[in-house]
């Protein structure tokens, strides 16, 4: 048994099945930054050499006065309940660590009840899906919490921390949980205009490297938010109380009225500057500014179609809009049919604001697949803007069509084709490259060069 803690990483992860590309399909564009942040979180788990991951889920079967543990030797998960039955995976149980957790829990009168012959719930399955997808391999302990008090959950977390130290094998702990479910009028749990305060408190507690604020939170905020995951976070706080904190919010977003946060609490291996993808490294101020991009595209199109004049891109106070960046602007009907899409691979304008305006007008009037948008169509359109990161050379094995877009060009650089990420029906890198090459007019078998890029996607909500 080691004296120093073997808890090498701890973090928080969301668990909406819609993040899984095979489940979410077209809708995963709305959670692109969460997916990229999960990739970064996995990189950190791998960098810390975690041999076991402990998952704390709010959706495991509940016991009033005990904590639940999945105890099959091979833990199985699938997404059959979410219309993706072919997505199945397994991970071996870390029986030694589970036994140690049960023993430490028993010392504090917290029984651990085992369940078997049961697939992992989606609160465990979604984070585990991304850990496996992005390269982590190891054993798993999957736990659910109870109806006991908040302080009991913190104390049980301390039991987990001591059990990890007892076993001495490097382990990571992931608290699975979504934040408020009531952030928009069409949110799944209804709308509460003050629900956002819960999310703001959680995010700010981590940004200030003070997760104890989560334990001390006003419990009325939880009731207003309709959250699922608070007690998972309490367990994580308890497990890490004796460790140096290095809290970091990798991403927060709420595209469907539910708050999704990916965050780090502790990490023995310091994070390397710039290792995150562009999506996961967008700070929340830029993300908030980005939500205005579809409105800017709409204003540009509506003014041009009605008045045949271009919107003025000058005078913005937004740091994001003053930056230079390439982007694509897409127009869809309220029924979801594409009505135009034009973009740039490299910035052609002096600012992103000007880039959005120019590409929005082009998408509405110059997409060769469609006739120009007419004034009577303007009320029937929705807008989205994809802001592209800088491109980087890549190889086929490093592509992931759910996360990265691709640029394919012939060796002479005469023909070049681009494909955005997260397109329906494109689920392999080979298929993504094939279509991009065909768009460029590059014959099969021609030597090619590949570049990849990530995308920050901003979309309007449903029809106004």
Protein backbone atom coordinates (compact mmCIF):
# COMPACT_ATOMS: atom_id res chain seq x y z
CA UNK A 1 0.00 0.00 0.00
CA UNK A 2 1.27 3.44 -0.91
CA UNK A 3 1.24 6.46 1.38
CA UNK A 4 0.78 9.07 -1.35
CA UNK A 5 -2.51 9.31 -3.18
CA UNK A 6 -2.74 7.43 -6.45
CA UNK A 7 -5.68 9.60 -7.57
CA UNK A 8 -3.90 11.17 -10.52
CA UNK A 9 -6.82 13.00 -12.15
CA UNK A 10 -10.36 14.05 -11.32
CA UNK A 11 -12.90 15.84 -13.43
CA UNK A 12 -16.53 16.43 -14.33
CA UNK A 13 -18.21 15.29 -17.55
CA UNK A 14 -21.69 15.70 -19.04
CA UNK A 15 -23.67 12.71 -20.22
CA UNK A 16 -26.28 13.63 -22.87
CA UNK A 17 -26.53 10.68 -25.30
CA UNK A 18 -26.97 13.23 -28.09
CA UNK A 19 -23.21 13.87 -27.82
CA UNK A 20 -22.58 10.37 -29.18
CA UNK A 21 -22.37 10.85 -32.97
CA UNK A 22 -24.29 7.67 -33.75
CA UNK A 23 -27.11 8.91 -31.50
CA UNK A 24 -27.06 12.64 -32.12
CA UNK A 25 -26.38 12.49 -35.88
CA UNK A 26 -26.99 15.99 -37.30
CA UNK A 27 -27.62 17.45 -33.84
CA UNK A 28 -24.07 16.84 -32.61
CA UNK A 29 -23.08 20.10 -34.24
CA UNK A 30 -24.84 21.77 -31.31
CA UNK A 31 -22.53 20.03 -28.80
CA UNK A 32 -19.32 20.21 -30.83
CA UNK A 33 -17.42 22.07 -28.11
CA UNK A 34 -18.44 19.53 -25.47
CA UNK A 35 -17.18 16.70 -27.67
CA UNK A 36 -13.87 18.46 -28.23
CA UNK A 37 -13.55 19.13 -24.51
CA UNK A 38 -14.13 15.43 -23.78
CA UNK A 39 -11.27 14.67 -26.15
CA UNK A 40 -9.06 17.03 -24.15
CA UNK A 41 -10.19 15.52 -20.85
CA UNK A 42 -9.31 12.06 -22.17
CA UNK A 43 -5.85 13.30 -23.21
CA UNK A 44 -5.29 14.37 -19.63
CA UNK A 45 -6.47 11.05 -18.20
CA UNK A 46 -4.08 9.26 -20.57
CA UNK A 47 -1.22 11.67 -19.82
CA UNK A 48 -1.65 10.90 -16.11
CA UNK A 49 -1.38 7.16 -16.88
CA UNK A 50 -4.64 6.32 -15.10
CA UNK A 51 -5.00 2.51 -15.05
CA UNK A 52 -8.54 2.72 -13.65
CA UNK A 53 -11.34 5.22 -14.10
CA UNK A 54 -14.01 5.56 -11.42
CA UNK A 55 -17.31 6.84 -12.81
CA UNK A 56 -19.93 8.41 -10.52
CA UNK A 57 -23.33 8.49 -12.24
CA UNK A 58 -26.65 10.05 -11.18
CA UNK A 59 -28.57 7.55 -13.31
CA UNK A 60 -27.46 4.26 -11.79
CA UNK A 61 -30.15 2.39 -9.83
CA UNK A 62 -30.69 4.23 -6.55
CA UNK A 63 -30.65 2.83 -3.02
CA UNK A 64 -31.91 5.11 -0.22
CA UNK A 65 -29.12 4.40 2.28
CA UNK A 66 -26.38 2.75 0.21
CA UNK A 67 -24.15 3.43 -2.75
CA UNK A 68 -24.54 1.20 -5.81
CA UNK A 69 -21.74 -0.48 -7.78
CA UNK A 70 -21.89 -2.39 -11.06
CA UNK A 71 -20.12 -5.65 -10.28
CA UNK A 72 -19.99 -7.74 -13.49
CA UNK A 73 -16.44 -8.66 -14.39
CA UNK A 74 -16.99 -7.11 -17.83
CA UNK A 75 -19.01 -3.90 -17.67
CA UNK A 76 -21.17 -3.57 -20.76
CA UNK A 77 -22.75 -0.48 -22.31
CA UNK A 78 -24.80 0.21 -25.40
CA UNK A 79 -27.11 2.88 -26.76
CA UNK A 80 -29.97 0.66 -27.90
CA UNK A 81 -32.38 2.79 -25.87
CA UNK A 82 -31.25 5.79 -27.90
CA UNK A 83 -31.75 4.34 -31.39
CA UNK A 84 -28.13 3.25 -31.81
CA UNK A 85 -28.09 -0.47 -30.93
CA UNK A 86 -24.88 -1.11 -32.86
CA UNK A 87 -22.89 1.10 -30.49
CA UNK A 88 -21.70 -1.36 -27.86
CA UNK A 89 -18.54 -1.57 -25.78
CA UNK A 90 -17.15 -3.24 -22.68
CA UNK A 91 -14.53 -2.49 -20.06
CA UNK A 92 -13.10 -4.75 -17.35
CA UNK A 93 -14.08 -4.17 -13.74
CA UNK A 94 -11.34 -3.23 -11.27
CA UNK A 95 -12.50 -5.67 -8.61
CA UNK A 96 -9.61 -4.92 -6.26
CA UNK A 97 -10.38 -1.22 -6.15
CA UNK A 98 -14.12 -1.82 -5.83
CA UNK A 99 -13.47 -4.10 -2.85
CA UNK A 100 -11.26 -1.44 -1.28
CA UNK A 101 -13.97 1.22 -1.76
CA UNK A 102 -16.55 -1.09 -0.18
CA UNK A 103 -14.23 -1.75 2.76
CA UNK A 104 -13.49 1.93 3.35
CA UNK A 105 -17.19 2.74 2.97
CA UNK A 106 -18.13 0.10 5.51
CA UNK A 107 -15.77 1.69 8.02
CA UNK A 108 -17.86 4.87 7.78
CA UNK A 109 -21.16 2.92 7.71
CA UNK A 110 -21.74 3.54 4.00
CA UNK A 111 -22.68 0.18 2.48
CA UNK A 112 -21.86 -0.45 -1.19
CA UNK A 113 -24.52 -2.61 -2.86
CA UNK A 114 -23.53 -4.56 -5.96
CA UNK A 115 -25.74 -4.97 -9.02
CA UNK A 116 -25.08 -7.39 -11.86
CA UNK A 117 -26.43 -8.50 -15.24
CA UNK A 118 -27.26 -4.86 -15.97
CA UNK A 119 -25.91 -2.59 -18.70
CA UNK A 120 -24.29 0.64 -17.57
CA UNK A 121 -26.69 3.56 -17.38
CA UNK A 122 -26.14 6.42 -19.78
CA UNK A 123 -24.61 8.60 -17.05
CA UNK A 124 -21.72 6.14 -17.00
CA UNK A 125 -21.87 5.03 -20.63
CA UNK A 126 -21.52 8.45 -22.29
CA UNK A 127 -18.28 9.51 -20.53
CA UNK A 128 -16.88 5.99 -20.95
CA UNK A 129 -17.71 6.09 -24.66
CA UNK A 130 -15.54 9.18 -25.13
CA UNK A 131 -12.72 7.88 -22.95
CA UNK A 132 -12.51 4.76 -25.10
CA UNK A 133 -13.05 6.64 -28.34
CA UNK A 134 -10.14 8.96 -27.67
CA UNK A 135 -7.62 6.36 -26.62
CA UNK A 136 -7.85 5.56 -22.92
CA UNK A 137 -7.69 1.85 -22.02
CA UNK A 138 -7.95 0.38 -18.53
CA UNK A 139 -10.27 -0.93 -15.83
CA UNK A 140 -13.44 0.71 -14.58
CA UNK A 141 -15.38 1.10 -11.35
CA UNK A 142 -18.90 2.44 -11.96
CA UNK A 143 -20.84 3.75 -8.98
CA UNK A 144 -24.16 5.43 -8.29
CA UNK A 145 -25.04 7.67 -5.39
CA UNK A 146 -27.81 7.54 -2.78
CA UNK A 147 -30.51 9.54 -1.01
CA UNK A 148 -28.19 10.29 1.89
CA UNK A 149 -27.24 13.85 2.83
CA UNK A 150 -24.84 16.08 0.96
CA UNK A 151 -22.24 15.69 3.69
CA UNK A 152 -22.56 11.90 3.46
CA UNK A 153 -21.72 12.10 -0.24
CA UNK A 154 -18.65 14.22 0.48
CA UNK A 155 -17.55 11.74 3.15
CA UNK A 156 -18.11 8.79 0.82
CA UNK A 157 -15.89 10.58 -1.68
CA UNK A 158 -13.19 10.66 1.00
CA UNK A 159 -13.64 6.88 1.36
CA UNK A 160 -12.98 6.52 -2.37
CA UNK A 161 -9.87 8.67 -2.08
CA UNK A 162 -8.52 6.52 0.76
CA UNK A 163 -9.32 3.30 -1.16
CA UNK A 164 -7.36 4.56 -4.18
CA UNK A 165 -4.42 5.29 -1.89
CA UNK A 166 -4.73 1.80 -0.37
CA UNK A 167 -4.58 0.03 -3.72
CA UNK A 168 -1.82 2.31 -4.98
CA UNK A 169 -2.67 2.00 -8.65
CA UNK A 170 -3.04 5.25 -10.67
CA UNK A 171 -6.73 6.10 -10.96
CA UNK A 172 -8.91 8.88 -12.32
CA UNK A 173 -12.33 9.87 -11.00
CA UNK A 174 -14.98 11.31 -13.31
CA UNK A 175 -18.13 12.84 -11.80
CA UNK A 176 -20.83 12.47 -14.42
CA UNK A 177 -23.55 15.08 -14.33
CA UNK A 178 -25.44 17.70 -16.28
CA UNK A 179 -26.16 21.08 -14.74
CA UNK A 180 -29.45 22.99 -14.92
CA UNK A 181 -32.22 21.45 -17.06
CA UNK A 182 -34.30 24.64 -17.15
CA UNK A 183 -32.30 27.21 -19.06
CA UNK A 184 -34.58 27.79 -22.06
CA UNK A 185 -38.35 27.86 -22.65
CA UNK A 186 -38.17 24.55 -24.55
CA UNK A 187 -35.83 22.87 -22.03
CA UNK A 188 -36.77 19.30 -21.05
CA UNK A 189 -37.65 20.19 -17.45
CA UNK A 190 -39.42 23.44 -18.28
CA UNK A 191 -38.06 26.96 -17.96
CA UNK A 192 -37.00 28.84 -14.85
CA UNK A 193 -35.58 32.32 -15.45
CA UNK A 194 -33.21 32.03 -12.48
CA UNK A 195 -31.95 28.50 -13.21
CA UNK A 196 -28.80 29.89 -14.83
CA UNK A 197 -27.55 31.03 -11.41
CA UNK A 198 -26.86 27.41 -10.41
CA UNK A 199 -24.67 26.91 -13.47
CA UNK A 200 -22.92 30.24 -12.97
CA UNK A 201 -22.10 29.31 -9.37
CA UNK A 202 -20.64 25.92 -10.34
CA UNK A 203 -18.58 27.35 -13.20
CA UNK A 204 -17.30 30.26 -11.12
CA UNK A 205 -16.39 27.97 -8.21
CA UNK A 206 -14.12 25.99 -10.51
CA UNK A 207 -12.68 29.01 -12.28
CA UNK A 208 -11.65 30.42 -8.92
CA UNK A 209 -10.13 27.04 -7.96
CA UNK A 210 -12.51 26.74 -5.02
CA UNK A 211 -14.72 23.64 -5.41
CA UNK A 212 -15.67 23.83 -1.72
CA UNK A 213 -18.11 26.52 -2.84
CA UNK A 214 -20.07 23.72 -4.52
CA UNK A 215 -20.52 21.97 -1.17
CA UNK A 216 -21.64 25.23 0.45
CA UNK A 217 -24.09 26.18 -2.32
CA UNK A 218 -27.58 27.40 -1.46
CA UNK A 219 -29.72 24.31 -1.91
CA UNK A 220 -32.65 26.34 -3.23
CA UNK A 221 -30.59 26.90 -6.37
CA UNK A 222 -30.50 23.14 -6.96
CA UNK A 223 -34.29 22.94 -6.76
CA UNK A 224 -34.70 25.82 -9.20
CA UNK A 225 -32.18 24.33 -11.64
CA UNK A 226 -33.56 20.79 -11.84
CA UNK A 227 -29.95 19.55 -12.06
CA UNK A 228 -28.64 16.01 -12.23
CA UNK A 229 -25.08 15.69 -11.08
CA UNK A 230 -24.68 17.78 -7.94
CA UNK A 231 -24.11 14.74 -5.71
CA UNK A 232 -21.64 13.29 -8.23
CA UNK A 233 -19.64 16.49 -7.83
CA UNK A 234 -19.87 16.27 -4.03
CA UNK A 235 -18.28 12.81 -4.16
CA UNK A 236 -15.51 14.17 -6.39
CA UNK A 237 -14.89 17.06 -3.99
CA UNK A 238 -14.66 14.63 -1.10
CA UNK A 239 -12.22 12.39 -2.96
CA UNK A 240 -9.89 15.29 -3.75
CA UNK A 241 -9.97 17.30 -0.52
CA UNK A 242 -6.42 16.36 0.42
CA UNK A 243 -4.97 16.93 -3.04
CA UNK A 244 -3.56 20.08 -4.68
CA UNK A 245 -6.33 21.64 -6.76
CA UNK A 246 -5.91 22.62 -10.41
CA UNK A 247 -9.48 23.37 -11.40
CA UNK A 248 -10.18 24.32 -15.01
CA UNK A 249 -13.41 24.61 -16.98
CA UNK A 250 -12.60 23.08 -20.36
CA UNK A 251 -16.01 23.94 -21.76
CA UNK A 252 -19.49 25.02 -20.75
CA UNK A 253 -22.49 25.30 -23.08
CA UNK A 254 -26.26 24.88 -22.96
CA UNK A 255 -27.55 24.44 -26.52
CA UNK A 256 -30.75 22.60 -25.57
CA UNK A 257 -31.56 24.36 -22.33
CA UNK A 258 -29.43 21.93 -20.28
CA UNK A 259 -26.01 22.95 -18.98
CA UNK A 260 -23.13 20.74 -20.14
CA UNK A 261 -19.77 21.26 -18.45
CA UNK A 262 -16.44 19.51 -18.93
CA UNK A 263 -13.99 20.39 -16.18
CA UNK A 264 -10.86 19.35 -14.33
CA UNK A 265 -10.55 19.36 -10.55
CA UNK A 266 -7.10 17.85 -10.01
CA UNK A 267 -4.28 16.56 -12.19
CA UNK A 268 -0.85 15.30 -11.19
CA UNK A 269 0.45 15.87 -14.72
CA UNK A 270 0.45 19.61 -15.52
CA UNK A 271 -1.65 20.52 -18.54
CA UNK A 272 0.39 21.40 -21.59
CA UNK A 273 -0.35 24.78 -23.06
CA UNK A 274 -2.19 24.51 -26.32
CA UNK A 275 -2.98 20.79 -26.16
CA UNK A 276 -6.71 21.31 -26.34
CA UNK A 277 -8.54 21.51 -29.63
CA UNK A 278 -9.72 24.88 -30.79
CA UNK A 279 -13.31 24.13 -29.77
CA UNK A 280 -12.44 23.22 -26.18
CA UNK A 281 -10.15 26.21 -25.75
CA UNK A 282 -12.67 28.87 -26.69
CA UNK A 283 -13.13 30.90 -23.54
CA UNK A 284 -16.66 31.54 -22.35
CA UNK A 285 -16.48 35.22 -23.26
CA UNK A 286 -15.73 34.35 -26.89
CA UNK A 287 -18.37 31.62 -26.79
CA UNK A 288 -20.97 34.11 -25.59
CA UNK A 289 -19.95 36.51 -28.37
CA UNK A 290 -20.15 33.64 -30.83
CA UNK A 291 -23.82 33.17 -30.05
CA UNK A 292 -24.38 36.49 -31.89
CA UNK A 293 -22.88 35.22 -35.16
CA UNK A 294 -26.07 33.63 -36.56
CA UNK A 295 -27.96 36.86 -35.81
CA UNK A 296 -25.28 38.79 -37.70
CA UNK A 297 -25.63 36.41 -40.66
CA UNK A 298 -29.40 36.84 -40.59
CA UNK A 299 -29.18 40.63 -40.48
CA UNK A 300 -26.73 40.63 -43.40
CA UNK A 301 -28.94 38.43 -45.58
CA UNK A 302 -32.17 40.22 -44.76
CA UNK A 303 -30.70 43.66 -45.49
CA UNK A 304 -29.12 42.50 -48.75
CA UNK A 305 -32.20 40.67 -50.02
CA UNK A 306 -34.57 43.51 -49.15
CA UNK A 307 -32.38 46.54 -49.89
CA UNK A 308 -29.51 45.18 -52.06
CA UNK A 309 -27.01 46.80 -49.68
CA UNK A 310 -24.36 45.21 -47.50
CA UNK A 311 -24.38 45.45 -43.72
CA UNK A 312 -21.58 47.56 -42.21
CA UNK A 313 -19.05 45.36 -40.38
CA UNK A 314 -17.36 48.25 -38.57
CA UNK A 315 -17.82 49.48 -35.03
CA UNK A 316 -18.10 46.21 -33.09
CA UNK A 317 -16.79 45.99 -29.53
CA UNK A 318 -16.51 42.21 -29.75
CA UNK A 319 -12.97 40.83 -29.60
CA UNK A 320 -14.13 37.72 -31.44
CA UNK A 321 -15.73 39.66 -34.29
CA UNK A 322 -12.62 41.84 -34.67
CA UNK A 323 -10.40 38.75 -35.07
CA UNK A 324 -9.54 37.26 -38.46
CA UNK A 325 -10.97 33.79 -39.06
CA UNK A 326 -12.40 31.68 -41.85
CA UNK A 327 -16.01 30.58 -41.55
CA UNK A 328 -18.91 28.87 -43.30
CA UNK A 329 -22.46 30.20 -43.18
CA UNK A 330 -25.36 27.79 -43.69
CA UNK A 331 -28.99 28.59 -44.33
CA UNK A 332 -31.69 25.98 -43.73
CA UNK A 333 -35.45 26.08 -43.97
CA UNK A 334 -37.50 25.60 -40.82
CA UNK A 335 -38.04 22.02 -42.04
CA UNK A 336 -34.30 21.43 -41.95
CA UNK A 337 -33.64 21.52 -45.70
CA UNK A 338 -30.38 23.12 -46.81
CA UNK A 339 -31.00 26.44 -48.59
CA UNK A 340 -27.41 27.62 -49.08
CA UNK A 341 -23.91 27.18 -47.72
CA UNK A 342 -20.80 29.16 -48.62
CA UNK A 343 -17.55 29.54 -46.72
CA UNK A 344 -13.86 30.27 -46.75
CA UNK A 345 -10.98 27.94 -45.88
CA UNK A 346 -8.71 30.87 -45.04
CA UNK A 347 -9.85 34.34 -43.95
CA UNK A 348 -10.55 36.62 -46.89
CA UNK A 349 -11.72 39.67 -44.91
CA UNK A 350 -10.07 41.82 -42.28
CA UNK A 351 -12.40 40.70 -39.47
CA UNK A 352 -14.63 37.74 -38.66
CA UNK A 353 -17.61 40.09 -38.70
CA UNK A 354 -16.87 41.00 -42.33
CA UNK A 355 -16.22 37.33 -43.11
CA UNK A 356 -19.63 36.32 -41.76
CA UNK A 357 -21.42 39.10 -43.62
CA UNK A 358 -19.74 38.30 -46.96
CA UNK A 359 -20.28 34.55 -46.66
CA UNK A 360 -23.86 34.92 -45.49
CA UNK A 361 -24.74 37.04 -48.53
CA UNK A 362 -22.94 34.57 -50.80
CA UNK A 363 -24.76 31.61 -49.23
CA UNK A 364 -28.09 33.32 -49.81
CA UNK A 365 -27.44 34.55 -53.34
CA UNK A 366 -24.52 32.73 -54.97
CA UNK A 367 -24.67 29.06 -53.97
CA UNK A 368 -24.80 27.42 -57.44
CA UNK A 369 -27.06 24.64 -56.13
CA UNK A 370 -29.91 27.00 -55.33
CA UNK A 371 -31.71 30.02 -56.69
CA UNK A 372 -31.13 33.28 -54.77
CA UNK A 373 -33.19 33.69 -51.61
CA UNK A 374 -36.34 35.76 -52.24
CA UNK A 375 -37.81 38.28 -49.75
CA UNK A 376 -40.81 36.06 -48.99
CA UNK A 377 -38.47 33.27 -47.84
CA UNK A 378 -36.67 35.26 -45.16
CA UNK A 379 -39.05 34.30 -42.37
CA UNK A 380 -38.60 30.61 -43.17
CA UNK A 381 -34.84 30.40 -42.63
CA UNK A 382 -32.49 29.44 -39.81
CA UNK A 383 -28.80 30.36 -39.78
CA UNK A 384 -25.66 28.70 -38.49
CA UNK A 385 -22.05 29.84 -38.58
CA UNK A 386 -19.04 27.52 -38.40
CA UNK A 387 -15.83 29.29 -37.37
CA UNK A 388 -12.78 27.33 -38.51
CA UNK A 389 -9.58 26.88 -36.54
CA UNK A 390 -6.22 27.13 -38.26
CA UNK A 391 -5.54 24.05 -40.38
CA UNK A 392 -2.79 21.55 -39.62
CA UNK A 393 -1.25 18.74 -41.72
CA UNK A 394 -2.60 15.33 -40.75
CA UNK A 395 -2.74 11.66 -41.65
CA UNK A 396 -5.73 9.44 -42.26
CA UNK A 397 -5.35 7.72 -38.88
CA UNK A 398 -5.56 11.07 -37.06
CA UNK A 399 -8.85 12.10 -38.62
CA UNK A 400 -12.18 11.81 -36.84
CA UNK A 401 -15.10 13.00 -38.99
CA UNK A 402 -17.24 13.66 -35.92
CA UNK A 403 -14.68 16.13 -34.56
CA UNK A 404 -12.49 17.38 -37.42
CA UNK A 405 -13.18 18.74 -40.85
CA UNK A 406 -10.78 17.80 -43.63
CA UNK A 407 -9.12 19.50 -46.61
CA UNK A 408 -7.93 17.24 -49.41
CA UNK A 409 -5.66 18.51 -52.18
CA UNK A 410 -3.56 16.95 -54.89
CA UNK A 411 0.21 17.17 -54.62
CA UNK A 412 0.37 19.99 -57.14
CA UNK A 413 -2.05 22.04 -55.05
CA UNK A 414 -4.26 22.61 -58.09
CA UNK A 415 -7.39 20.94 -56.72
CA UNK A 416 -8.68 21.25 -53.19
CA UNK A 417 -11.85 20.01 -51.51
CA UNK A 418 -13.20 20.63 -48.01
CA UNK A 419 -15.68 18.79 -45.85
CA UNK A 420 -16.99 20.06 -42.51
CA UNK A 421 -17.17 17.73 -39.51
CA UNK A 422 -20.26 15.99 -38.12
CA UNK A 423 -22.08 15.45 -41.41
CA UNK A 424 -24.83 12.85 -41.54
CA UNK A 425 -23.79 9.54 -43.10
CA UNK A 426 -20.05 10.25 -42.87
CA UNK A 427 -18.78 8.14 -40.01
CA UNK A 428 -15.30 7.10 -41.17
CA UNK A 429 -12.22 9.06 -42.13
CA UNK A 430 -11.97 7.11 -45.38
CA UNK A 431 -15.47 8.13 -46.39
CA UNK A 432 -14.82 11.75 -45.40
CA UNK A 433 -11.63 11.92 -47.50
CA UNK A 434 -13.28 10.17 -50.45
CA UNK A 435 -16.12 12.70 -50.62
CA UNK A 436 -13.82 15.70 -50.17
CA UNK A 437 -11.56 14.42 -52.96
CA UNK A 438 -14.53 13.88 -55.24
CA UNK A 439 -15.75 17.42 -54.57
CA UNK A 440 -12.30 18.66 -55.58
CA UNK A 441 -12.32 16.63 -58.80
CA UNK A 442 -9.35 14.53 -57.70
CA UNK A 443 -9.46 11.09 -59.37
CA UNK A 444 -9.27 7.97 -57.15
CA UNK A 445 -5.70 6.78 -56.62
CA UNK A 446 -4.17 10.24 -57.04
CA UNK A 447 -1.56 11.08 -54.36
CA UNK A 448 -3.09 13.57 -51.94
CA UNK A 449 -2.23 15.76 -48.97
CA UNK A 450 -4.52 16.07 -45.95
CA UNK A 451 -5.16 18.88 -43.52
CA UNK A 452 -7.60 18.92 -40.65
CA UNK A 453 -9.33 21.68 -38.73
CA UNK A 454 -11.81 21.97 -35.89
CA UNK A 455 -14.98 24.02 -35.89
CA UNK A 456 -16.85 26.18 -33.39
CA UNK A 457 -20.47 25.93 -34.48
CA UNK A 458 -23.08 28.52 -33.57
CA UNK A 459 -26.71 27.95 -34.57
CA UNK A 460 -29.98 29.72 -34.13
CA UNK A 461 -32.57 27.91 -32.09
CA UNK A 462 -35.88 26.68 -33.47
CA UNK A 463 -38.11 28.99 -35.43
CA UNK A 464 -38.82 32.34 -33.88
